[in-house]
Amino acid sequence: MAKEKAPAGAVKARVLRECDYGKCDEVVTLDGELVASLHGVLDAEPAAVEYAESLAK
């Protein structure tokens, strides 16, 4: 099965706190402006995303 392509402007982010966007340490793909506005709730730093993805393995 092919991966779905993310919409333009979308970024991967690690969920830091359980919220409407996901549970703690999940990786979600959301609009970049939304992620930037939710500082402290989502973290789009590549290292944070990589860490959360490693937890799912």
Protein backbone atom coordinates (compact mmCIF):
# COMPACT_ATOMS: atom_id res chain seq x y z
CA MET A 1 0.00 0.00 0.00
CA ALA A 2 1.36 3.44 -0.90
CA LYS A 3 1.85 6.11 1.73
CA GLU A 4 -0.53 9.05 1.59
CA LYS A 5 1.13 12.30 0.64
CA ALA A 6 0.97 15.03 3.31
CA PRO A 7 -0.79 18.24 2.30
CA ALA A 8 1.40 21.23 1.41
CA GLY A 9 2.48 23.06 4.57
CA ALA A 10 1.99 20.00 6.73
CA VAL A 11 4.67 18.97 9.22
CA LYS A 12 5.22 16.00 11.50
CA ALA A 13 5.14 16.78 15.20
CA ARG A 14 5.46 14.90 18.48
CA VAL A 15 2.51 15.30 20.83
CA LEU A 16 3.83 16.42 24.23
CA ARG A 17 0.51 16.54 26.12
CA GLU A 18 -2.67 14.58 25.54
CA CYS A 19 -5.04 16.80 23.59
CA ASP A 20 -7.48 16.81 20.67
CA TYR A 21 -4.55 16.14 18.31
CA GLY A 22 -3.33 12.92 19.94
CA LYS A 23 -1.87 11.20 22.96
CA CYS A 24 1.51 11.89 24.50
CA ASP A 25 4.45 10.71 22.34
CA GLU A 26 2.35 10.09 19.23
CA VAL A 27 3.55 11.55 15.93
CA VAL A 28 0.93 13.53 14.03
CA THR A 29 0.97 15.40 10.73
CA LEU A 30 -0.66 18.83 10.95
CA ASP A 31 -0.51 22.27 9.36
CA GLY A 32 2.78 24.00 10.18
CA GLU A 33 1.09 27.18 11.41
CA LEU A 34 -1.11 25.17 13.78
CA VAL A 35 1.91 23.33 15.16
CA ALA A 36 3.75 26.63 15.71
CA SER A 37 0.77 28.04 17.61
CA LEU A 38 0.69 25.06 19.98
CA HIS A 39 4.14 25.48 21.54
CA GLY A 40 4.37 23.26 24.61
CA VAL A 41 1.71 20.89 23.26
CA LEU A 42 3.39 19.83 19.99
CA ASP A 43 7.08 19.64 19.08
CA ALA A 44 8.13 19.63 15.41
CA GLU A 45 11.88 19.45 16.04
CA PRO A 46 13.28 16.53 14.01
CA ALA A 47 14.92 14.97 17.09
CA ALA A 48 11.61 15.01 18.99
CA VAL A 49 9.74 13.41 16.10
CA GLU A 50 12.47 10.79 15.66
CA TYR A 51 12.36 9.96 19.38
CA ALA A 52 8.56 9.54 19.39
CA GLU A 53 8.75 7.34 16.29
CA SER A 54 11.37 5.16 18.02
CA LEU A 55 8.96 4.58 20.92
CA ALA A 56 6.35 3.13 18.58
CA LYS A 57 8.70 0.35 17.44
